[in-house]
Amino acid sequence: MTSSQNSVLKVGYWPHIDGLRALAVIAVLLFHFKAAGFDAGYLGVDIFFVISGFLVTRLIVKDIGEHGKMRFGRFFARRVRRLFPTLAAVCVATAIAAYILLDAEKLAAFGKSLAAAVFSLSNILFWSESGYFDAGSESKPLLHTWSLSVEEQFYLFWPATLALGYKLFKDSALKYVTILAFLLSIGLIMAWTIGSFDARKHSTIFYWMPFRVFEFMLGAFCILLLPKFSNLKPSGSFLVSLGGIILMLLEKRRLAKYKESIFAHCPKSEARKYKCK
């Protein structure tokens, strides 16, 4: 880790990250409430993946830089403390509502999704259920946990990968490993999109973590860019932030009109929510 990266990573609280999270949450909420102009508000989920890639990579790089190694026990303990209390509360509240409102068949299906959510396998469960007979999102109250499972699976993959990279490439590890992971993920998407070896390829691309790695890597790239922007004047920081917001709005507008992206062909359970074919 370079000295310039080290000085930037020592910063504690990042208020602008919370601001970006707020924008992502608002976009998703307005999308679910079918607010005009927010047909692509689901991009908030993708923004969260990018934010997670940045924050988790920052923690890993900082830990390795300060202690010379990755402290996996401390890392996973922090993830559990941060994520699982909220997940447990959501699961308990949803289970109570499901017991009251669902019939026996749907309650059994809910039990499977509850177990999958607890063990961070929701995305794989809902992928396995995708297809012609897949039920709509209204009958899957824990469907939203698929993205959390993707994040938690990334937490298993990325720390070990990056720690190994530091053993092999030293201070250049972050650059090399991030670029390699990004290209492999994009390559997988291209292979599955073009190929005909997976009958559920659109569901596979939508749900499986390896196909989302490139989004986490966009966040990791920001660690490499931080030193270049750390000394900007307030006016420069404002212009960079404004440019980022404008780019997100332009992308939202583009996707609202153009539904034929690789992630638009989502499973039937997501079809009503994401308005895809």
C-alpha atoms as a PDB file:
ATOM      1  CA  MET A   1       0.000   0.000   0.000  1.00  0.00           C
ATOM      2  CA  THR A   2       1.386   3.384  -1.012  1.00  0.00           C
ATOM      3  CA  SER A   3       1.829   6.208   1.493  1.00  0.00           C
ATOM      4  CA  SER A   4      -0.764   8.350  -0.287  1.00  0.00           C
ATOM      5  CA  GLN A   5      -3.336   5.559  -0.104  1.00  0.00           C
ATOM      6  CA  ASN A   6      -2.460   4.984   3.535  1.00  0.00           C
ATOM      7  CA  SER A   7      -3.084   8.634   4.476  1.00  0.00           C
ATOM      8  CA  VAL A   8      -6.470   8.653   2.759  1.00  0.00           C
ATOM      9  CA  LEU A   9      -7.558   5.336   4.277  1.00  0.00           C
ATOM     10  CA  LYS A  10      -6.949   6.674   7.783  1.00  0.00           C
ATOM     11  CA  VAL A  11     -10.005   8.904   7.405  1.00  0.00           C
ATOM     12  CA  GLY A  12     -12.693   7.668   9.797  1.00  0.00           C
ATOM     13  CA  TYR A  13     -16.285   8.627   9.038  1.00  0.00           C
ATOM     14  CA  TRP A  14     -17.214   9.384   5.417  1.00  0.00           C
ATOM     15  CA  PRO A  15     -20.435  11.477   5.466  1.00  0.00           C
ATOM     16  CA  HIS A  16     -20.670  11.583   1.685  1.00  0.00           C
ATOM     17  CA  ILE A  17     -20.918   7.769   1.634  1.00  0.00           C
ATOM     18  CA  ASP A  18     -24.033   8.012   3.796  1.00  0.00           C
ATOM     19  CA  GLY A  19     -25.319  10.655   1.391  1.00  0.00           C
ATOM     20  CA  LEU A  20     -24.828   8.281  -1.541  1.00  0.00           C
ATOM     21  CA  ARG A  21     -26.544   5.514   0.402  1.00  0.00           C
ATOM     22  CA  ALA A  22     -29.478   7.850   1.036  1.00  0.00           C
ATOM     23  CA  LEU A  23     -29.768   8.577  -2.693  1.00  0.00           C
ATOM     24  CA  ALA A  24     -29.752   4.837  -3.437  1.00  0.00           C
ATOM     25  CA  VAL A  25     -32.425   4.104  -0.805  1.00  0.00           C
ATOM     26  CA  ILE A  26     -34.633   6.956  -2.005  1.00  0.00           C
ATOM     27  CA  ALA A  27     -34.337   5.749  -5.611  1.00  0.00           C
ATOM     28  CA  VAL A  28     -35.347   2.193  -4.662  1.00  0.00           C
ATOM     29  CA  LEU A  29     -38.252   3.352  -2.463  1.00  0.00           C
ATOM     30  CA  LEU A  30     -39.614   5.710  -5.117  1.00  0.00           C
ATOM     31  CA  PHE A  31     -39.304   2.917  -7.668  1.00  0.00           C
ATOM     32  CA  HIS A  32     -41.343   0.550  -5.480  1.00  0.00           C
ATOM     33  CA  PHE A  33     -43.940   3.267  -4.959  1.00  0.00           C
ATOM     34  CA  LYS A  34     -44.055   3.636  -8.769  1.00  0.00           C
ATOM     35  CA  ALA A  35     -43.169   7.324  -8.642  1.00  0.00           C
ATOM     36  CA  ALA A  36     -43.005   9.040 -12.023  1.00  0.00           C
ATOM     37  CA  GLY A  37     -39.499   9.300 -13.419  1.00  0.00           C
ATOM     38  CA  PHE A  38     -38.085   6.454 -11.295  1.00  0.00           C
ATOM     39  CA  ASP A  39     -38.623   3.489 -13.633  1.00  0.00           C
ATOM     40  CA  ALA A  40     -34.908   2.677 -13.226  1.00  0.00           C
ATOM     41  CA  GLY A  41     -34.816   3.323  -9.497  1.00  0.00           C
ATOM     42  CA  TYR A  42     -33.769  -0.287  -8.963  1.00  0.00           C
ATOM     43  CA  LEU A  43     -30.270   0.934  -9.845  1.00  0.00           C
ATOM     44  CA  GLY A  44     -30.057   1.780  -6.151  1.00  0.00           C
ATOM     45  CA  VAL A  45     -29.231  -1.894  -5.552  1.00  0.00           C
ATOM     46  CA  ASP A  46     -26.309  -1.676  -7.979  1.00  0.00           C
ATOM     47  CA  ILE A  47     -25.126   1.510  -6.265  1.00  0.00           C
ATOM     48  CA  PHE A  48     -25.112  -0.396  -2.972  1.00  0.00           C
ATOM     49  CA  PHE A  49     -22.922  -3.085  -4.531  1.00  0.00           C
ATOM     50  CA  VAL A  50     -20.444  -0.418  -5.640  1.00  0.00           C
ATOM     51  CA  ILE A  51     -20.487   1.203  -2.179  1.00  0.00           C
ATOM     52  CA  SER A  52     -19.915  -2.183  -0.538  1.00  0.00           C
ATOM     53  CA  GLY A  53     -16.993  -2.863  -2.856  1.00  0.00           C
ATOM     54  CA  PHE A  54     -15.413   0.425  -1.814  1.00  0.00           C
ATOM     55  CA  LEU A  55     -15.990   0.081   1.927  1.00  0.00           C
ATOM     56  CA  VAL A  56     -15.015  -3.579   2.229  1.00  0.00           C
ATOM     57  CA  THR A  57     -11.899  -3.117   0.099  1.00  0.00           C
ATOM     58  CA  ARG A  58     -10.960  -0.107   2.213  1.00  0.00           C
ATOM     59  CA  LEU A  59     -11.250  -2.173   5.408  1.00  0.00           C
ATOM     60  CA  ILE A  60      -9.150  -4.996   3.971  1.00  0.00           C
ATOM     61  CA  VAL A  61      -6.417  -2.738   2.589  1.00  0.00           C
ATOM     62  CA  LYS A  62      -6.281  -0.755   5.825  1.00  0.00           C
ATOM     63  CA  ASP A  63      -6.038  -3.939   7.927  1.00  0.00           C
ATOM     64  CA  ILE A  64      -3.243  -5.390   5.809  1.00  0.00           C
ATOM     65  CA  GLY A  65      -1.408  -2.055   5.763  1.00  0.00           C
ATOM     66  CA  GLU A  66      -1.530  -1.632   9.547  1.00  0.00           C
ATOM     67  CA  HIS A  67      -0.948  -5.245  10.653  1.00  0.00           C
ATOM     68  CA  GLY A  68       0.851  -6.846   7.738  1.00  0.00           C
ATOM     69  CA  LYS A  69      -1.869  -9.445   7.294  1.00  0.00           C
ATOM     70  CA  MET A  70      -5.608  -9.860   6.938  1.00  0.00           C
ATOM     71  CA  ARG A  71      -7.310 -10.515  10.285  1.00  0.00           C
ATOM     72  CA  PHE A  72     -10.172 -12.656   9.031  1.00  0.00           C
ATOM     73  CA  GLY A  73     -11.771 -13.285  12.425  1.00  0.00           C
ATOM     74  CA  ARG A  74     -12.070  -9.568  13.173  1.00  0.00           C
ATOM     75  CA  PHE A  75     -13.356  -8.844   9.661  1.00  0.00           C
ATOM     76  CA  PHE A  76     -16.130 -11.445   9.770  1.00  0.00           C
ATOM     77  CA  ALA A  77     -17.098 -10.511  13.330  1.00  0.00           C
ATOM     78  CA  ARG A  78     -17.614  -6.926  12.176  1.00  0.00           C
ATOM     79  CA  ARG A  79     -19.729  -8.079   9.227  1.00  0.00           C
ATOM     80  CA  VAL A  80     -21.908 -10.229  11.498  1.00  0.00           C
ATOM     81  CA  ARG A  81     -22.410  -7.405  14.011  1.00  0.00           C
ATOM     82  CA  ARG A  82     -23.324  -5.001  11.245  1.00  0.00           C
ATOM     83  CA  LEU A  83     -25.669  -7.128   9.150  1.00  0.00           C
ATOM     84  CA  PHE A  84     -27.248  -9.928  11.132  1.00  0.00           C
ATOM     85  CA  PRO A  85     -29.157  -8.002  13.848  1.00  0.00           C
ATOM     86  CA  THR A  86     -31.153  -6.191  11.167  1.00  0.00           C
ATOM     87  CA  LEU A  87     -31.547  -9.372   9.130  1.00  0.00           C
ATOM     88  CA  ALA A  88     -32.771 -11.245  12.224  1.00  0.00           C
ATOM     89  CA  ALA A  89     -35.340  -8.532  12.983  1.00  0.00           C
ATOM     90  CA  VAL A  90     -36.618  -8.577   9.393  1.00  0.00           C
ATOM     91  CA  CYS A  91     -36.823 -12.387   9.347  1.00  0.00           C
ATOM     92  CA  VAL A  92     -38.678 -12.584  12.662  1.00  0.00           C
ATOM     93  CA  ALA A  93     -41.182  -9.880  11.712  1.00  0.00           C
ATOM     94  CA  THR A  94     -41.737 -11.425   8.284  1.00  0.00           C
ATOM     95  CA  ALA A  95     -42.118 -14.911   9.767  1.00  0.00           C
ATOM     96  CA  ILE A  96     -44.856 -13.692  12.117  1.00  0.00           C
ATOM     97  CA  ALA A  97     -46.705 -12.012   9.247  1.00  0.00           C
ATOM     98  CA  ALA A  98     -46.262 -15.073   7.025  1.00  0.00           C
ATOM     99  CA  TYR A  99     -47.657 -17.396   9.705  1.00  0.00           C
ATOM    100  CA  ILE A 100     -50.769 -15.230   9.938  1.00  0.00           C
ATOM    101  CA  LEU A 101     -51.319 -14.467   6.254  1.00  0.00           C
ATOM    102  CA  LEU A 102     -50.000 -17.372   4.164  1.00  0.00           C
ATOM    103  CA  ASP A 103     -51.624 -20.714   3.427  1.00  0.00           C
ATOM    104  CA  ALA A 104     -49.809 -23.984   4.154  1.00  0.00           C
ATOM    105  CA  GLU A 105     -48.190 -24.315   0.715  1.00  0.00           C
ATOM    106  CA  LYS A 106     -46.869 -20.756   0.626  1.00  0.00           C
ATOM    107  CA  LEU A 107     -45.796 -21.004   4.261  1.00  0.00           C
ATOM    108  CA  ALA A 108     -43.650 -24.050   3.413  1.00  0.00           C
ATOM    109  CA  ALA A 109     -42.056 -22.124   0.537  1.00  0.00           C
ATOM    110  CA  PHE A 110     -41.478 -19.207   2.898  1.00  0.00           C
ATOM    111  CA  GLY A 111     -39.709 -21.546   5.330  1.00  0.00           C
ATOM    112  CA  LYS A 112     -37.219 -22.460   2.615  1.00  0.00           C
ATOM    113  CA  SER A 113     -36.565 -18.815   1.802  1.00  0.00           C
ATOM    114  CA  LEU A 114     -36.174 -18.038   5.518  1.00  0.00           C
ATOM    115  CA  ALA A 115     -33.486 -20.714   5.901  1.00  0.00           C
ATOM    116  CA  ALA A 116     -31.790 -19.510   2.717  1.00  0.00           C
ATOM    117  CA  ALA A 117     -31.731 -15.925   4.006  1.00  0.00           C
ATOM    118  CA  VAL A 118     -30.170 -16.970   7.313  1.00  0.00           C
ATOM    119  CA  PHE A 119     -27.420 -18.928   5.547  1.00  0.00           C
ATOM    120  CA  SER A 120     -26.829 -16.273   2.853  1.00  0.00           C
ATOM    121  CA  LEU A 121     -28.146 -18.465   0.059  1.00  0.00           C
ATOM    122  CA  SER A 122     -31.254 -16.513  -0.981  1.00  0.00           C
ATOM    123  CA  ASN A 123     -29.921 -15.665  -4.409  1.00  0.00           C
ATOM    124  CA  ILE A 124     -29.202 -19.334  -5.157  1.00  0.00           C
ATOM    125  CA  LEU A 125     -32.630 -20.433  -3.903  1.00  0.00           C
ATOM    126  CA  PHE A 126     -34.513 -17.888  -5.999  1.00  0.00           C
ATOM    127  CA  TRP A 127     -32.322 -18.711  -8.984  1.00  0.00           C
ATOM    128  CA  SER A 128     -33.196 -22.409  -8.597  1.00  0.00           C
ATOM    129  CA  GLU A 129     -36.897 -21.507  -8.526  1.00  0.00           C
ATOM    130  CA  SER A 130     -36.739 -19.262 -11.595  1.00  0.00           C
ATOM    131  CA  GLY A 131     -38.359 -20.448 -14.762  1.00  0.00           C
ATOM    132  CA  TYR A 132     -41.783 -21.064 -16.264  1.00  0.00           C
ATOM    133  CA  PHE A 133     -43.499 -21.941 -12.988  1.00  0.00           C
ATOM    134  CA  ASP A 134     -41.820 -19.239 -10.943  1.00  0.00           C
ATOM    135  CA  ALA A 135     -44.190 -17.337  -8.672  1.00  0.00           C
ATOM    136  CA  GLY A 136     -44.510 -13.552  -8.645  1.00  0.00           C
ATOM    137  CA  SER A 137     -42.642 -11.387  -6.183  1.00  0.00           C
ATOM    138  CA  GLU A 138     -45.800 -10.758  -4.126  1.00  0.00           C
ATOM    139  CA  SER A 139     -45.721 -14.350  -2.857  1.00  0.00           C
ATOM    140  CA  LYS A 140     -42.022 -14.171  -1.865  1.00  0.00           C
ATOM    141  CA  PRO A 141     -41.755 -11.776   1.084  1.00  0.00           C
ATOM    142  CA  LEU A 142     -37.997 -12.404   1.484  1.00  0.00           C
ATOM    143  CA  LEU A 143     -37.161 -12.006  -2.187  1.00  0.00           C
ATOM    144  CA  HIS A 144     -35.274  -8.790  -1.455  1.00  0.00           C
ATOM    145  CA  THR A 145     -32.690 -10.767   0.562  1.00  0.00           C
ATOM    146  CA  TRP A 146     -31.136 -12.067  -2.668  1.00  0.00           C
ATOM    147  CA  SER A 147     -28.947  -8.950  -2.891  1.00  0.00           C
ATOM    148  CA  LEU A 148     -27.839  -9.302   0.741  1.00  0.00           C
ATOM    149  CA  SER A 149     -26.796 -12.896   0.025  1.00  0.00           C
ATOM    150  CA  VAL A 150     -24.770 -11.691  -2.954  1.00  0.00           C
ATOM    151  CA  GLU A 151     -22.973  -9.223  -0.677  1.00  0.00           C
ATOM    152  CA  GLU A 152     -22.303 -11.818   2.013  1.00  0.00           C
ATOM    153  CA  GLN A 153     -20.905 -14.255  -0.537  1.00  0.00           C
ATOM    154  CA  PHE A 154     -18.652 -11.474  -1.806  1.00  0.00           C
ATOM    155  CA  TYR A 155     -17.398 -11.023   1.770  1.00  0.00           C
ATOM    156  CA  LEU A 156     -16.256 -14.657   1.711  1.00  0.00           C
ATOM    157  CA  PHE A 157     -14.539 -14.394  -1.655  1.00  0.00           C
ATOM    158  CA  TRP A 158     -12.866 -10.980  -1.657  1.00  0.00           C
ATOM    159  CA  PRO A 159     -10.824 -10.830   1.589  1.00  0.00           C
ATOM    160  CA  ALA A 160      -9.033 -14.116   0.887  1.00  0.00           C
ATOM    161  CA  THR A 161      -8.471 -13.175  -2.759  1.00  0.00           C
ATOM    162  CA  LEU A 162      -7.048  -9.755  -1.940  1.00  0.00           C
ATOM    163  CA  ALA A 163      -4.916 -11.097   0.928  1.00  0.00           C
ATOM    164  CA  LEU A 164      -3.400 -13.662  -1.449  1.00  0.00           C
ATOM    165  CA  GLY A 165      -2.815 -10.879  -3.968  1.00  0.00           C
ATOM    166  CA  TYR A 166      -0.793  -8.923  -1.400  1.00  0.00           C
ATOM    167  CA  LYS A 167       1.406 -11.945  -0.798  1.00  0.00           C
ATOM    168  CA  LEU A 168       2.073 -12.256  -4.529  1.00  0.00           C
ATOM    169  CA  PHE A 169       2.180  -8.660  -5.751  1.00  0.00           C
ATOM    170  CA  LYS A 170       2.912  -6.627  -2.592  1.00  0.00           C
ATOM    171  CA  ASP A 171       1.922  -2.952  -2.972  1.00  0.00           C
ATOM    172  CA  SER A 172       0.629  -3.496  -6.533  1.00  0.00           C
ATOM    173  CA  ALA A 173      -1.853  -6.141  -5.395  1.00  0.00           C
ATOM    174  CA  LEU A 174      -4.917  -3.920  -5.212  1.00  0.00           C
ATOM    175  CA  LYS A 175      -4.466  -2.703  -8.786  1.00  0.00           C
ATOM    176  CA  TYR A 176      -3.731  -6.102 -10.315  1.00  0.00           C
ATOM    177  CA  VAL A 177      -6.312  -8.141  -8.403  1.00  0.00           C
ATOM    178  CA  THR A 178      -9.090  -5.590  -8.858  1.00  0.00           C
ATOM    179  CA  ILE A 179      -8.529  -5.341 -12.601  1.00  0.00           C
ATOM    180  CA  LEU A 180      -8.330  -9.135 -12.939  1.00  0.00           C
ATOM    181  CA  ALA A 181     -11.537  -9.702 -10.943  1.00  0.00           C
ATOM    182  CA  PHE A 182     -13.336  -6.996 -12.935  1.00  0.00           C
ATOM    183  CA  LEU A 183     -12.312  -8.485 -16.292  1.00  0.00           C
ATOM    184  CA  LEU A 184     -13.187 -12.039 -15.233  1.00  0.00           C
ATOM    185  CA  SER A 185     -16.655 -10.943 -14.139  1.00  0.00           C
ATOM    186  CA  ILE A 186     -17.272  -9.037 -17.382  1.00  0.00           C
ATOM    187  CA  GLY A 187     -15.951 -12.038 -19.300  1.00  0.00           C
ATOM    188  CA  LEU A 188     -18.394 -14.349 -17.519  1.00  0.00           C
ATOM    189  CA  ILE A 189     -21.284 -12.054 -18.368  1.00  0.00           C
ATOM    190  CA  MET A 190     -20.263 -11.956 -22.035  1.00  0.00           C
ATOM    191  CA  ALA A 191     -19.823 -15.739 -22.171  1.00  0.00           C
ATOM    192  CA  TRP A 192     -23.233 -16.413 -20.608  1.00  0.00           C
ATOM    193  CA  THR A 193     -24.946 -13.765 -22.734  1.00  0.00           C
ATOM    194  CA  ILE A 194     -23.539 -15.048 -26.016  1.00  0.00           C
ATOM    195  CA  GLY A 195     -23.451 -18.767 -25.184  1.00  0.00           C
ATOM    196  CA  SER A 196     -26.310 -21.268 -25.288  1.00  0.00           C
ATOM    197  CA  PHE A 197     -25.126 -23.692 -22.598  1.00  0.00           C
ATOM    198  CA  ASP A 198     -27.379 -22.357 -19.822  1.00  0.00           C
ATOM    199  CA  ALA A 199     -31.135 -22.373 -20.391  1.00  0.00           C
ATOM    200  CA  ARG A 200     -31.588 -19.989 -17.476  1.00  0.00           C
ATOM    201  CA  LYS A 201     -28.699 -17.704 -18.382  1.00  0.00           C
ATOM    202  CA  HIS A 202     -30.576 -14.477 -17.647  1.00  0.00           C
ATOM    203  CA  SER A 203     -31.503 -15.710 -14.176  1.00  0.00           C
ATOM    204  CA  THR A 204     -27.944 -16.890 -13.645  1.00  0.00           C
ATOM    205  CA  ILE A 205     -26.508 -13.481 -14.569  1.00  0.00           C
ATOM    206  CA  PHE A 206     -29.076 -11.739 -12.406  1.00  0.00           C
ATOM    207  CA  TYR A 207     -28.676 -13.803  -9.225  1.00  0.00           C
ATOM    208  CA  TRP A 208     -25.182 -15.289  -9.029  1.00  0.00           C
ATOM    209  CA  MET A 209     -22.423 -13.402  -7.243  1.00  0.00           C
ATOM    210  CA  PRO A 210     -19.602 -13.877  -9.821  1.00  0.00           C
ATOM    211  CA  PHE A 211     -21.627 -11.931 -12.377  1.00  0.00           C
ATOM    212  CA  ARG A 212     -21.968  -9.026  -9.926  1.00  0.00           C
ATOM    213  CA  VAL A 213     -18.297  -8.873  -8.962  1.00  0.00           C
ATOM    214  CA  PHE A 214     -17.587  -6.173 -11.543  1.00  0.00           C
ATOM    215  CA  GLU A 215     -19.896  -3.814  -9.620  1.00  0.00           C
ATOM    216  CA  PHE A 216     -18.022  -4.404  -6.367  1.00  0.00           C
ATOM    217  CA  MET A 217     -14.778  -3.854  -8.281  1.00  0.00           C
ATOM    218  CA  LEU A 218     -15.964  -0.437  -9.467  1.00  0.00           C
ATOM    219  CA  GLY A 219     -16.044   0.485  -5.779  1.00  0.00           C
ATOM    220  CA  ALA A 220     -12.617  -1.067  -5.224  1.00  0.00           C
ATOM    221  CA  PHE A 221     -11.226   1.021  -8.102  1.00  0.00           C
ATOM    222  CA  CYS A 222     -12.121   4.114  -6.090  1.00  0.00           C
ATOM    223  CA  ILE A 223      -9.455   3.172  -3.524  1.00  0.00           C
ATOM    224  CA  LEU A 224      -6.885   3.551  -6.291  1.00  0.00           C
ATOM    225  CA  LEU A 225      -8.342   6.916  -7.328  1.00  0.00           C
ATOM    226  CA  LEU A 226      -8.671   8.387  -3.827  1.00  0.00           C
ATOM    227  CA  PRO A 227      -5.137   9.839  -3.616  1.00  0.00           C
ATOM    228  CA  LYS A 228      -5.714  11.726  -6.875  1.00  0.00           C
ATOM    229  CA  PHE A 229      -8.768  13.485  -5.436  1.00  0.00           C
ATOM    230  CA  SER A 230      -7.720  13.829  -1.791  1.00  0.00           C
ATOM    231  CA  ASN A 231      -6.224  17.303  -2.237  1.00  0.00           C
ATOM    232  CA  LEU A 232      -9.029  18.838  -4.255  1.00  0.00           C
ATOM    233  CA  LYS A 233     -10.311  22.241  -3.234  1.00  0.00           C
ATOM    234  CA  PRO A 234     -13.973  22.451  -2.089  1.00  0.00           C
ATOM    235  CA  SER A 235     -15.005  23.765  -5.510  1.00  0.00           C
ATOM    236  CA  GLY A 236     -13.284  20.831  -7.218  1.00  0.00           C
ATOM    237  CA  SER A 237     -14.902  18.310  -4.878  1.00  0.00           C
ATOM    238  CA  PHE A 238     -18.296  19.872  -5.590  1.00  0.00           C
ATOM    239  CA  LEU A 239     -17.797  19.603  -9.350  1.00  0.00           C
ATOM    240  CA  VAL A 240     -16.707  15.962  -9.112  1.00  0.00           C
ATOM    241  CA  SER A 241     -19.736  15.135  -6.927  1.00  0.00           C
ATOM    242  CA  LEU A 242     -22.081  17.009  -9.237  1.00  0.00           C
ATOM    243  CA  GLY A 243     -20.650  15.183 -12.219  1.00  0.00           C
ATOM    244  CA  GLY A 244     -21.233  11.824 -10.508  1.00  0.00           C
ATOM    245  CA  ILE A 245     -24.860  12.694  -9.758  1.00  0.00           C
ATOM    246  CA  ILE A 246     -25.445  13.839 -13.344  1.00  0.00           C
ATOM    247  CA  LEU A 247     -23.962  10.593 -14.696  1.00  0.00           C
ATOM    248  CA  MET A 248     -26.253   8.514 -12.427  1.00  0.00           C
ATOM    249  CA  LEU A 249     -29.305  10.505 -13.555  1.00  0.00           C
ATOM    250  CA  LEU A 250     -28.363  10.087 -17.210  1.00  0.00           C
ATOM    251  CA  GLU A 251     -27.904   6.348 -16.751  1.00  0.00           C
ATOM    252  CA  LYS A 252     -31.244   6.109 -14.938  1.00  0.00           C
ATOM    253  CA  ARG A 253     -32.932   7.903 -17.814  1.00  0.00           C
ATOM    254  CA  ARG A 254     -31.219   5.700 -20.401  1.00  0.00           C
ATOM    255  CA  LEU A 255     -32.218   2.465 -18.700  1.00  0.00           C
ATOM    256  CA  ALA A 256     -35.777   3.690 -18.179  1.00  0.00           C
ATOM    257  CA  LYS A 257     -36.089   3.874 -21.980  1.00  0.00           C
ATOM    258  CA  TYR A 258     -33.849   0.952 -22.929  1.00  0.00           C
ATOM    259  CA  LYS A 259     -34.856  -2.298 -21.249  1.00  0.00           C
ATOM    260  CA  GLU A 260     -32.709  -4.717 -23.245  1.00  0.00           C
ATOM    261  CA  SER A 261     -29.661  -4.726 -20.978  1.00  0.00           C
ATOM    262  CA  ILE A 262     -28.175  -7.959 -19.623  1.00  0.00           C
ATOM    263  CA  PHE A 263     -29.808  -7.361 -16.235  1.00  0.00           C
ATOM    264  CA  ALA A 264     -33.199  -6.423 -17.721  1.00  0.00           C
ATOM    265  CA  HIS A 265     -34.055 -10.029 -18.588  1.00  0.00           C
ATOM    266  CA  CYS A 266     -34.712 -10.862 -14.973  1.00  0.00           C
ATOM    267  CA  PRO A 267     -36.613 -13.870 -13.640  1.00  0.00           C
ATOM    268  CA  LYS A 268     -40.390 -13.956 -13.559  1.00  0.00           C
ATOM    269  CA  SER A 269     -40.389 -13.369  -9.799  1.00  0.00           C
ATOM    270  CA  GLU A 270     -38.659 -10.055 -10.484  1.00  0.00           C
ATOM    271  CA  ALA A 271     -40.553  -9.235 -13.666  1.00  0.00           C
ATOM    272  CA  ARG A 272     -43.248  -7.063 -12.151  1.00  0.00           C
ATOM    273  CA  LYS A 273     -40.817  -5.348  -9.855  1.00  0.00           C
ATOM    274  CA  TYR A 274     -38.236  -4.593 -12.541  1.00  0.00           C
ATOM    275  CA  LYS A 275     -40.649  -4.380 -15.480  1.00  0.00           C
ATOM    276  CA  CYS A 276     -38.575  -6.695 -17.620  1.00  0.00           C
ATOM    277  CA  LYS A 277     -39.434  -9.221 -20.268  1.00  0.00           C
END
